C-alpha atoms as a PDB file:
ATOM      1  CA  ALA A   1       0.448   0.006   0.055  1.00  0.00           C
ATOM      2  CA  TRP A   2       1.428   3.501  -1.060  1.00  0.00           C
ATOM      3  CA  TYR A   3       0.429   7.190  -0.637  1.00  0.00           C
ATOM      4  CA  LYS A   4       1.924  10.324  -2.144  1.00  0.00           C
ATOM      5  CA  PRO A   5       1.826  13.836  -0.636  1.00  0.00           C
ATOM      6  CA  ALA A   6       3.182  15.939  -3.385  1.00  0.00           C
ATOM      7  CA  THR A   7       2.040  16.785  -6.640  1.00  0.00           C
ATOM      8  CA  ASP A   8       5.514  16.401  -8.171  1.00  0.00           C
ATOM      9  CA  ASN A   9       7.473  13.591  -9.811  1.00  0.00           C
ATOM     10  CA  SER A  10       8.642  11.979  -7.051  1.00  0.00           C
ATOM     11  CA  SER A  11       8.006   8.242  -5.685  1.00  0.00           C
ATOM     12  CA  CYS A  12       5.377   6.851  -3.848  1.00  0.00           C
ATOM     13  CA  LEU A  13       5.844   6.162  -0.190  1.00  0.00           C
ATOM     14  CA  ALA A  14       4.877   2.580   1.665  1.00  0.00           C
ATOM     15  CA  CYS A  15       2.205   2.697   4.313  1.00  0.00           C
ATOM     16  CA  PRO A  16       3.533   1.456   7.759  1.00  0.00           C
ATOM     17  CA  ARG A  17       3.846  -2.410   7.799  1.00  0.00           C
ATOM     18  CA  ASN A  18       0.568  -4.237   8.171  1.00  0.00           C
ATOM     19  CA  ALA A  19      -1.447  -1.070   7.080  1.00  0.00           C
ATOM     20  CA  GLU A  20      -3.320  -0.626   3.563  1.00  0.00           C
ATOM     21  CA  THR A  21      -5.141   2.056   1.648  1.00  0.00           C
ATOM     22  CA  VAL A  22      -8.961   1.928   1.356  1.00  0.00           C
ATOM     23  CA  GLY A  23      -8.605   2.690  -2.648  1.00  0.00           C
ATOM     24  CA  ARG A  24      -5.953   3.803  -4.911  1.00  0.00           C
ATOM     25  CA  SER A  25      -4.213   7.028  -5.435  1.00  0.00           C
ATOM     26  CA  ALA A  26      -3.882   8.055  -1.696  1.00  0.00           C
ATOM     27  CA  VAL A  27      -2.453  11.168  -0.769  1.00  0.00           C
ATOM     28  CA  PHE A  28      -1.817  11.544   2.996  1.00  0.00           C
ATOM     29  CA  LEU A  29      -0.411   9.086   5.332  1.00  0.00           C
ATOM     30  CA  SER A  30      -3.887   9.150   7.574  1.00  0.00           C
ATOM     31  CA  GLU A  31      -5.123   7.002   4.765  1.00  0.00           C
ATOM     32  CA  CYS A  32      -3.199   4.493   5.524  1.00  0.00           C
ATOM     33  CA  ARG A  33      -5.267   1.976   7.649  1.00  0.00           C
ATOM     34  CA  CYS A  34      -4.166  -1.025   9.812  1.00  0.00           C
ATOM     35  CA  SER A  35      -4.988  -4.233   7.848  1.00  0.00           C
ATOM     36  CA  ALA A  36      -7.591  -6.808   9.698  1.00  0.00           C
ATOM     37  CA  GLY A  37      -5.805  -8.695  12.409  1.00  0.00           C
ATOM     38  CA  PHE A  38      -3.726  -5.639  13.149  1.00  0.00           C
ATOM     39  CA  TRP A  39      -4.967  -2.328  15.356  1.00  0.00           C
ATOM     40  CA  GLY A  40      -3.716   1.312  15.407  1.00  0.00           C
ATOM     41  CA  GLY A  41      -4.449   4.674  14.299  1.00  0.00           C
ATOM     42  CA  ASP A  42      -4.716   5.701  10.825  1.00  0.00           C
ATOM     43  CA  GLY A  43      -1.070   6.600   9.511  1.00  0.00           C
ATOM     44  CA  GLU A  44       0.516   5.019  12.849  1.00  0.00           C
ATOM     45  CA  ASN A  45       1.831   1.793  13.088  1.00  0.00           C
ATOM     46  CA  CYS A  46      -0.234  -1.420  13.684  1.00  0.00           C
ATOM     47  CA  THR A  47      -0.061  -3.638  16.507  1.00  0.00           C
ATOM     48  CA  GLU A  48      -0.928  -7.301  15.902  1.00  0.00           C
ATOM     49  CA  CYS A  49      -4.290  -8.360  17.552  1.00  0.00           C
ATOM     50  CA  ALA A  50      -3.846 -10.472  20.525  1.00  0.00           C
ATOM     51  CA  GLY A  51      -4.939 -13.705  21.244  1.00  0.00           C
ATOM     52  CA  GLY A  52      -8.459 -14.026  22.244  1.00  0.00           C
ATOM     53  CA  SER A  53      -9.645 -10.906  20.396  1.00  0.00           C
ATOM     54  CA  TRP A  54     -10.258  -9.970  16.954  1.00  0.00           C
ATOM     55  CA  CYS A  55      -9.221  -6.971  14.943  1.00  0.00           C
ATOM     56  CA  PRO A  56     -11.245  -5.965  11.681  1.00  0.00           C
ATOM     57  CA  GLY A  57      -8.880  -3.458  10.435  1.00  0.00           C
ATOM     58  CA  GLY A  58      -8.151   0.375  11.415  1.00  0.00           C
ATOM     59  CA  ASN A  59      -7.933   1.076  15.334  1.00  0.00           C
ATOM     60  CA  SER A  60     -10.760  -1.439  16.849  1.00  0.00           C
ATOM     61  CA  THR A  61     -10.196  -4.576  18.577  1.00  0.00           C
ATOM     62  CA  TYR A  62     -12.857  -6.445  20.290  1.00  0.00           C
ATOM     63  CA  ARG A  63     -12.838  -9.341  22.953  1.00  0.00           C
ATOM     64  CA  CYS A  64     -13.888 -12.835  21.692  1.00  0.00           C
ATOM     65  CA  GLU A  65     -17.142 -14.049  23.498  1.00  0.00           C
ATOM     66  CA  ALA A  66     -16.793 -15.977  26.903  1.00  0.00           C
ATOM     67  CA  TYR A  67     -15.260 -19.665  26.850  1.00  0.00           C
ATOM     68  CA  SER A  68     -13.829 -19.129  23.417  1.00  0.00           C
ATOM     69  CA  ASN A  69     -10.222 -17.941  21.989  1.00  0.00           C
ATOM     70  CA  SER A  70      -8.733 -16.711  18.764  1.00  0.00           C
ATOM     71  CA  PRO A  71      -4.832 -17.026  17.650  1.00  0.00           C
ATOM     72  CA  SER A  72      -2.735 -13.853  17.457  1.00  0.00           C
ATOM     73  CA  GLY A  73      -3.698 -11.833  14.325  1.00  0.00           C
ATOM     74  CA  ALA A  74      -7.582 -12.948  14.094  1.00  0.00           C
ATOM     75  CA  GLY A  75      -9.060 -10.444  11.708  1.00  0.00           C
ATOM     76  CA  ASN A  76     -12.752 -11.895  11.690  1.00  0.00           C
ATOM     77  CA  TYR A  77     -14.982 -12.613  14.917  1.00  0.00           C
ATOM     78  CA  THR A  78     -15.362 -16.181  13.329  1.00  0.00           C
ATOM     79  CA  ASP A  79     -11.471 -16.299  14.159  1.00  0.00           C
ATOM     80  CA  CYS A  80     -13.199 -17.146  17.720  1.00  0.00           C
ATOM     81  CA  ILE A  81     -14.040 -20.871  18.585  1.00  0.00           C
ATOM     82  CA  CYS A  82     -15.408 -22.144  21.490  1.00  0.00           C
ATOM     83  CA  ASP A  83     -12.932 -23.480  24.271  1.00  0.00           C
ATOM     84  CA  ALA A  84     -12.963 -27.340  24.890  1.00  0.00           C
ATOM     85  CA  GLY A  85     -15.935 -28.210  26.994  1.00  0.00           C
ATOM     86  CA  TYR A  86     -17.948 -25.918  25.358  1.00  0.00           C
ATOM     87  CA  SER A  87     -19.797 -25.550  22.150  1.00  0.00           C
ATOM     88  CA  GLY A  88     -21.269 -23.209  19.429  1.00  0.00           C
ATOM     89  CA  ALA A  89     -20.718 -21.498  16.291  1.00  0.00           C
ATOM     90  CA  ASP A  90     -17.593 -19.639  15.217  1.00  0.00           C
ATOM     91  CA  GLY A  91     -17.941 -16.439  16.820  1.00  0.00           C
ATOM     92  CA  LEU A  92     -20.780 -16.551  18.741  1.00  0.00           C
ATOM     93  CA  GLU A  93     -21.906 -17.490  22.107  1.00  0.00           C
ATOM     94  CA  CYS A  94     -20.244 -20.707  23.646  1.00  0.00           C
ATOM     95  CA  THR A  95     -22.425 -22.881  25.976  1.00  0.00           C
ATOM     96  CA  ALA A  96     -21.131 -25.471  28.414  1.00  0.00           C
ATOM     97  CA  CYS A  97     -21.445 -29.390  27.302  1.00  0.00           C
ATOM     98  CA  PRO A  98     -23.984 -30.434  29.647  1.00  0.00           C
ATOM     99  CA  GLY A  99     -23.751 -33.541  31.973  1.00  0.00           C
ATOM    100  CA  GLY A 100     -23.343 -36.692  30.156  1.00  0.00           C
ATOM    101  CA  THR A 101     -21.145 -34.933  27.282  1.00  0.00           C
ATOM    102  CA  TYR A 102     -17.659 -33.842  26.921  1.00  0.00           C
ATOM    103  CA  LYS A 103     -15.581 -32.084  24.427  1.00  0.00           C
ATOM    104  CA  GLU A 104     -11.911 -32.330  24.155  1.00  0.00           C
ATOM    105  CA  ARG A 105     -10.630 -29.915  21.272  1.00  0.00           C
ATOM    106  CA  ASN A 106     -11.559 -26.352  20.704  1.00  0.00           C
ATOM    107  CA  GLY A 107     -14.153 -25.369  17.828  1.00  0.00           C
ATOM    108  CA  SER A 108     -17.464 -25.451  17.089  1.00  0.00           C
ATOM    109  CA  SER A 109     -18.189 -29.388  16.900  1.00  0.00           C
ATOM    110  CA  GLY A 110     -20.651 -30.367  19.599  1.00  0.00           C
ATOM    111  CA  CYS A 111     -20.638 -32.380  22.757  1.00  0.00           C
ATOM    112  CA  ALA A 112     -20.079 -36.050  22.399  1.00  0.00           C
ATOM    113  CA  LEU A 113     -21.961 -38.348  24.471  1.00  0.00           C
ATOM    114  CA  CYS A 114     -20.677 -40.802  27.395  1.00  0.00           C
ATOM    115  CA  PRO A 115     -20.610 -43.995  25.835  1.00  0.00           C
ATOM    116  CA  ALA A 116     -23.255 -46.536  26.868  1.00  0.00           C
ATOM    117  CA  GLY A 117     -21.687 -47.935  30.288  1.00  0.00           C
ATOM    118  CA  THR A 118     -20.983 -45.074  31.557  1.00  0.00           C
ATOM    119  CA  PHE A 119     -22.619 -41.677  33.142  1.00  0.00           C
ATOM    120  CA  SER A 120     -21.259 -38.139  34.402  1.00  0.00           C
ATOM    121  CA  ALA A 121     -22.804 -35.327  35.879  1.00  0.00           C
ATOM    122  CA  SER A 122     -19.802 -32.938  34.995  1.00  0.00           C
ATOM    123  CA  LEU A 123     -20.350 -29.778  32.945  1.00  0.00           C
ATOM    124  CA  ALA A 124     -18.095 -28.253  30.598  1.00  0.00           C
ATOM    125  CA  ALA A 125     -16.453 -31.709  30.729  1.00  0.00           C
ATOM    126  CA  THR A 126     -13.189 -31.951  28.288  1.00  0.00           C
ATOM    127  CA  SER A 127     -12.341 -35.413  28.435  1.00  0.00           C
ATOM    128  CA  LEU A 128     -13.712 -38.734  28.219  1.00  0.00           C
ATOM    129  CA  ALA A 129     -12.351 -39.571  31.731  1.00  0.00           C
ATOM    130  CA  VAL A 130     -15.096 -37.782  33.246  1.00  0.00           C
ATOM    131  CA  CYS A 131     -17.654 -40.550  32.282  1.00  0.00           C
ATOM    132  CA  LEU A 132     -17.574 -42.601  35.113  1.00  0.00           C
ATOM    133  CA  PRO A 133     -17.896 -46.462  34.495  1.00  0.00           C
ATOM    134  CA  CYS A 134     -21.283 -48.671  35.907  1.00  0.00           C
ATOM    135  CA  ALA A 135     -19.711 -50.706  38.459  1.00  0.00           C
ATOM    136  CA  ALA A 136     -19.249 -54.473  38.061  1.00  0.00           C
ATOM    137  CA  ASP A 137     -21.918 -56.876  37.728  1.00  0.00           C
ATOM    138  CA  THR A 138     -24.387 -54.003  36.347  1.00  0.00           C
ATOM    139  CA  TYR A 139     -25.015 -52.564  33.048  1.00  0.00           C
ATOM    140  CA  SER A 140     -26.578 -49.493  31.029  1.00  0.00           C
ATOM    141  CA  GLU A 141     -27.465 -49.381  27.372  1.00  0.00           C
ATOM    142  CA  THR A 142     -27.896 -45.397  27.734  1.00  0.00           C
ATOM    143  CA  GLU A 143     -25.773 -42.933  26.270  1.00  0.00           C
ATOM    144  CA  GLY A 144     -25.209 -39.522  27.757  1.00  0.00           C
ATOM    145  CA  ALA A 145     -26.482 -40.753  31.226  1.00  0.00           C
ATOM    146  CA  THR A 146     -26.199 -37.726  33.528  1.00  0.00           C
ATOM    147  CA  ALA A 147     -26.241 -40.119  36.728  1.00  0.00           C
ATOM    148  CA  ASP A 148     -26.127 -43.495  37.644  1.00  0.00           C
ATOM    149  CA  GLU A 149     -28.594 -45.262  35.812  1.00  0.00           C
ATOM    150  CA  CYS A 150     -27.057 -48.872  35.599  1.00  0.00           C
ATOM    151  CA  LEU A 151     -28.995 -52.142  36.084  1.00  0.00           C
ATOM    152  CA  ALA A 152     -27.995 -54.691  38.286  1.00  0.00           C
ATOM    153  CA  CYS A 153     -27.683 -58.081  36.146  1.00  0.00           C
ATOM    154  CA  PRO A 154     -29.749 -60.784  35.687  1.00  0.00           C
ATOM    155  CA  GLY A 155     -29.573 -63.773  38.833  1.00  0.00           C
ATOM    156  CA  ASN A 156     -26.458 -65.854  38.829  1.00  0.00           C
ATOM    157  CA  THR A 157     -24.550 -63.648  36.082  1.00  0.00           C
ATOM    158  CA  PHE A 158     -21.987 -61.189  36.733  1.00  0.00           C
ATOM    159  CA  SER A 159     -20.526 -58.415  34.095  1.00  0.00           C
ATOM    160  CA  ALA A 160     -17.300 -56.193  34.489  1.00  0.00           C
ATOM    161  CA  GLU A 161     -16.917 -52.609  34.987  1.00  0.00           C
ATOM    162  CA  GLY A 162     -18.512 -50.447  32.544  1.00  0.00           C
ATOM    163  CA  SER A 163     -20.390 -53.210  30.735  1.00  0.00           C
ATOM    164  CA  ALA A 164     -22.694 -51.391  28.009  1.00  0.00           C
ATOM    165  CA  VAL A 165     -25.526 -54.348  27.119  1.00  0.00           C
ATOM    166  CA  ILE A 166     -27.042 -56.940  29.089  1.00  0.00           C
ATOM    167  CA  THR A 167     -25.770 -59.614  26.978  1.00  0.00           C
ATOM    168  CA  GLU A 168     -22.303 -58.721  28.620  1.00  0.00           C
ATOM    169  CA  CYS A 169     -23.775 -60.021  31.890  1.00  0.00           C
ATOM    170  CA  THR A 170     -22.443 -63.987  31.701  1.00  0.00           C
ATOM    171  CA  CYS A 171     -23.238 -66.568  33.821  1.00  0.00           C
ATOM    172  CA  LEU A 172     -21.057 -67.123  37.239  1.00  0.00           C
ATOM    173  CA  ALA A 173     -19.125 -70.690  37.642  1.00  0.00           C
ATOM    174  CA  GLY A 174     -21.938 -73.269  38.710  1.00  0.00           C
ATOM    175  CA  TYR A 175     -24.411 -71.512  37.123  1.00  0.00           C
ATOM    176  CA  THR A 176     -25.835 -71.869  33.361  1.00  0.00           C
ATOM    177  CA  GLY A 177     -27.847 -70.120  30.760  1.00  0.00           C
ATOM    178  CA  ASP A 178     -27.680 -67.595  27.989  1.00  0.00           C
ATOM    179  CA  ASP A 179     -25.461 -64.258  28.534  1.00  0.00           C
ATOM    180  CA  GLY A 180     -28.198 -61.726  29.193  1.00  0.00           C
ATOM    181  CA  THR A 181     -30.682 -63.910  30.991  1.00  0.00           C
ATOM    182  CA  ALA A 182     -30.660 -65.236  34.412  1.00  0.00           C
ATOM    183  CA  CYS A 183     -28.646 -68.374  34.773  1.00  0.00           C
ATOM    184  CA  ALA A 184     -29.911 -71.797  36.749  1.00  0.00           C
ATOM    185  CA  PRO A 185     -27.626 -73.539  39.075  1.00  0.00           C
ATOM    186  CA  CYS A 186     -26.103 -76.939  38.005  1.00  0.00           C
ATOM    187  CA  PRO A 187     -28.236 -79.368  39.292  1.00  0.00           C
ATOM    188  CA  ALA A 188     -27.032 -82.071  41.722  1.00  0.00           C
ATOM    189  CA  GLY A 189     -24.684 -84.201  39.901  1.00  0.00           C
ATOM    190  CA  THR A 190     -22.697 -81.938  37.830  1.00  0.00           C
ATOM    191  CA  PHE A 191     -20.350 -78.803  37.910  1.00  0.00           C
ATOM    192  CA  LYS A 192     -19.126 -76.069  35.961  1.00  0.00           C
ATOM    193  CA  PRO A 193     -15.740 -74.505  36.753  1.00  0.00           C
ATOM    194  CA  THR A 194     -15.920 -71.917  33.703  1.00  0.00           C
ATOM    195  CA  THR A 195     -18.243 -68.465  33.440  1.00  0.00           C
ATOM    196  CA  GLY A 196     -20.096 -67.770  30.823  1.00  0.00           C
ATOM    197  CA  THR A 197     -22.519 -69.961  28.656  1.00  0.00           C
ATOM    198  CA  GLY A 198     -20.957 -73.571  28.760  1.00  0.00           C
ATOM    199  CA  VAL A 199     -22.864 -76.443  29.950  1.00  0.00           C
ATOM    200  CA  CYS A 200     -22.832 -78.270  33.760  1.00  0.00           C
ATOM    201  CA  ILE A 201     -20.633 -81.092  33.563  1.00  0.00           C
ATOM    202  CA  SER A 202     -21.908 -84.350  34.969  1.00  0.00           C
ATOM    203  CA  CYS A 203     -19.783 -86.172  37.529  1.00  0.00           C
ATOM    204  CA  GLU A 204     -18.200 -89.417  36.444  1.00  0.00           C
ATOM    205  CA  THR A 205     -19.665 -93.172  36.652  1.00  0.00           C
ATOM    206  CA  ASP A 206     -19.013 -94.731  40.169  1.00  0.00           C
ATOM    207  CA  SER A 207     -19.185 -91.303  41.866  1.00  0.00           C
ATOM    208  CA  TYR A 208     -22.191 -88.828  43.053  1.00  0.00           C
ATOM    209  CA  SER A 209     -22.463 -85.224  44.092  1.00  0.00           C
ATOM    210  CA  GLU A 210     -25.103 -83.878  45.864  1.00  0.00           C
ATOM    211  CA  SER A 211     -24.107 -80.186  45.703  1.00  0.00           C
ATOM    212  CA  VAL A 212     -26.344 -77.827  43.819  1.00  0.00           C
ATOM    213  CA  ALA A 213     -24.469 -75.209  41.532  1.00  0.00           C
ATOM    214  CA  ALA A 214     -21.269 -77.067  41.917  1.00  0.00           C
ATOM    215  CA  LYS A 215     -18.018 -75.380  40.627  1.00  0.00           C
ATOM    216  CA  ASN A 216     -15.266 -77.701  40.851  1.00  0.00           C
ATOM    217  CA  GLU A 217     -15.041 -81.780  40.089  1.00  0.00           C
ATOM    218  CA  SER A 218     -13.811 -82.431  43.618  1.00  0.00           C
ATOM    219  CA  THR A 219     -17.689 -82.095  44.415  1.00  0.00           C
ATOM    220  CA  CYS A 220     -17.643 -85.461  42.850  1.00  0.00           C
ATOM    221  CA  VAL A 221     -17.313 -87.854  45.887  1.00  0.00           C
ATOM    222  CA  ALA A 222     -16.337 -91.609  45.154  1.00  0.00           C
ATOM    223  CA  CYS A 223     -19.118 -94.177  45.649  1.00  0.00           C
ATOM    224  CA  PRO A 224     -18.905 -96.412  48.854  1.00  0.00           C
ATOM    225  CA  SER A 225     -16.853 -99.684  48.589  1.00  0.00           C
ATOM    226  CA  TYR A 226     -18.397-102.444  46.196  1.00  0.00           C
ATOM    227  CA  THR A 227     -21.006-100.215  44.571  1.00  0.00           C
ATOM    228  CA  ARG A 228     -21.459 -98.284  41.366  1.00  0.00           C
ATOM    229  CA  SER A 229     -23.242 -95.090  40.033  1.00  0.00           C
ATOM    230  CA  ASP A 230     -24.203 -93.755  36.525  1.00  0.00           C
ATOM    231  CA  LYS A 231     -22.761 -90.993  35.373  1.00  0.00           C
ATOM    232  CA  GLY A 232     -24.082 -87.612  36.692  1.00  0.00           C
ATOM    233  CA  SER A 233     -25.362 -89.252  39.938  1.00  0.00           C
ATOM    234  CA  ALA A 234     -27.200 -86.796  42.284  1.00  0.00           C
ATOM    235  CA  SER A 235     -26.894 -88.787  45.709  1.00  0.00           C
ATOM    236  CA  VAL A 236     -25.224 -91.604  47.168  1.00  0.00           C
ATOM    237  CA  ALA A 237     -28.216 -93.429  46.991  1.00  0.00           C
ATOM    238  CA  GLY A 238     -27.430 -93.900  43.443  1.00  0.00           C
ATOM    239  CA  CYS A 239     -24.689 -96.188  44.363  1.00  0.00           C
ATOM    240  CA  THR A 240     -25.661 -99.631  44.303  1.00  0.00           C
ATOM    241  CA  CYS A 241     -23.910-102.515  44.830  1.00  0.00           C
ATOM    242  CA  VAL A 242     -22.237-104.287  42.008  1.00  0.00           C
ATOM    243  CA  ALA A 243     -23.071-107.907  41.282  1.00  0.00           C
ATOM    244  CA  GLY A 244     -21.602-110.202  43.999  1.00  0.00           C
ATOM    245  CA  TYR A 245     -22.055-107.932  46.760  1.00  0.00           C
ATOM    246  CA  THR A 246     -25.003-107.086  48.455  1.00  0.00           C
ATOM    247  CA  GLY A 247     -26.512-104.302  50.794  1.00  0.00           C
ATOM    248  CA  LEU A 248     -28.363-100.918  51.111  1.00  0.00           C
ATOM    249  CA  ASP A 249     -28.159 -98.490  48.368  1.00  0.00           C
ATOM    250  CA  GLY A 250     -25.709 -95.779  49.180  1.00  0.00           C
ATOM    251  CA  LEU A 251     -24.098 -97.836  51.800  1.00  0.00           C
ATOM    252  CA  GLU A 252     -20.710-100.041  51.366  1.00  0.00           C
ATOM    253  CA  CYS A 253     -21.784-103.715  50.545  1.00  0.00           C
ATOM    254  CA  THR A 254     -20.575-106.937  51.496  1.00  0.00           C
ATOM    255  CA  ALA A 255     -19.726-110.248  49.567  1.00  0.00           C
ATOM    256  CA  CYS A 256     -22.329-112.727  49.064  1.00  0.00           C
ATOM    257  CA  VAL A 257     -21.819-115.395  51.702  1.00  0.00           C
ATOM    258  CA  ALA A 258     -20.614-118.852  50.508  1.00  0.00           C
ATOM    259  CA  GLY A 259     -23.384-120.689  48.832  1.00  0.00           C
ATOM    260  CA  THR A 260     -25.111-117.856  47.325  1.00  0.00           C
ATOM    261  CA  TYR A 261     -24.471-115.491  44.301  1.00  0.00           C
ATOM    262  CA  LYS A 262     -25.908-112.478  42.699  1.00  0.00           C
ATOM    263  CA  ALA A 263     -25.732-111.584  39.231  1.00  0.00           C
ATOM    264  CA  GLN A 264     -26.930-108.040  38.790  1.00  0.00           C
ATOM    265  CA  ASN A 265     -25.957-104.766  40.520  1.00  0.00           C
ATOM    266  CA  GLY A 266     -28.445-103.550  42.877  1.00  0.00           C
ATOM    267  CA  SER A 267     -29.800-104.126  46.470  1.00  0.00           C
ATOM    268  CA  ALA A 268     -30.802-107.592  46.240  1.00  0.00           C
ATOM    269  CA  ALA A 269     -29.938-110.122  48.645  1.00  0.00           C
ATOM    270  CA  GLY A 270     -27.693-112.921  47.341  1.00  0.00           C
ATOM    271  CA  THR A 271     -29.783-116.140  45.963  1.00  0.00           C
ATOM    272  CA  LEU A 272     -28.871-119.594  46.818  1.00  0.00           C
ATOM    273  CA  PHE A 273     -27.095-122.096  44.613  1.00  0.00           C
ATOM    274  CA  ASP A 274     -29.721-124.865  43.580  1.00  0.00           C
ATOM    275  CA  ALA A 275     -28.952-127.890  45.956  1.00  0.00           C
END
């Protein structure tokens, strides 16, 4: 930008740095006006607009709206962008992100919802870290929750901290069923050492278990001497005498006495040999 106060053939003079004239054929130094992003009196040195403000040119400078900021040298109100934790159009009023939301960066983007499985009552939050996880054994499918809306998992299930869907509630050891539903205890004669949807495992033959919701194979107890049981026996009464032995179900059996025999398993007494 140039001006020339004389009418002779002398050269035009340069305006101060970061200043410009409104039109061509400027005559006076005072016609040199600070450019956008700078401020100062006409014909005077121009100062760069400070951060957090904007300068449209000339001698004017304006502060950005509350909770917004701008870089140094901003020349337009739209250079003022909302701070992290606040949202709004560039150059306009910024409002705090409500509970259940957060915003990590400066700018006009909206506030992000806390994900399902979390909640937050904090205002103007700037990080996902404010979204607190649901406690273990609970879940929440609600995004943007502002309070603890976490629901208890169904019966005999558990979940990790921060679970976001009911199907993350899975069966405890010793219980069986589908994820997200109440789980049934493993019946006597069975056990289940793992969590999840697996089936209950039957005790081996010649053993029994009277425990319900058993977690370990160690609950399967060996039958008394000279008895046997089917796989998955649920009580000691399922242990019956082997052939050649007699006695009550669930008790130790004794050998058939001389002169008798017993061909079948069970509690029947020995049979005399034919004379």
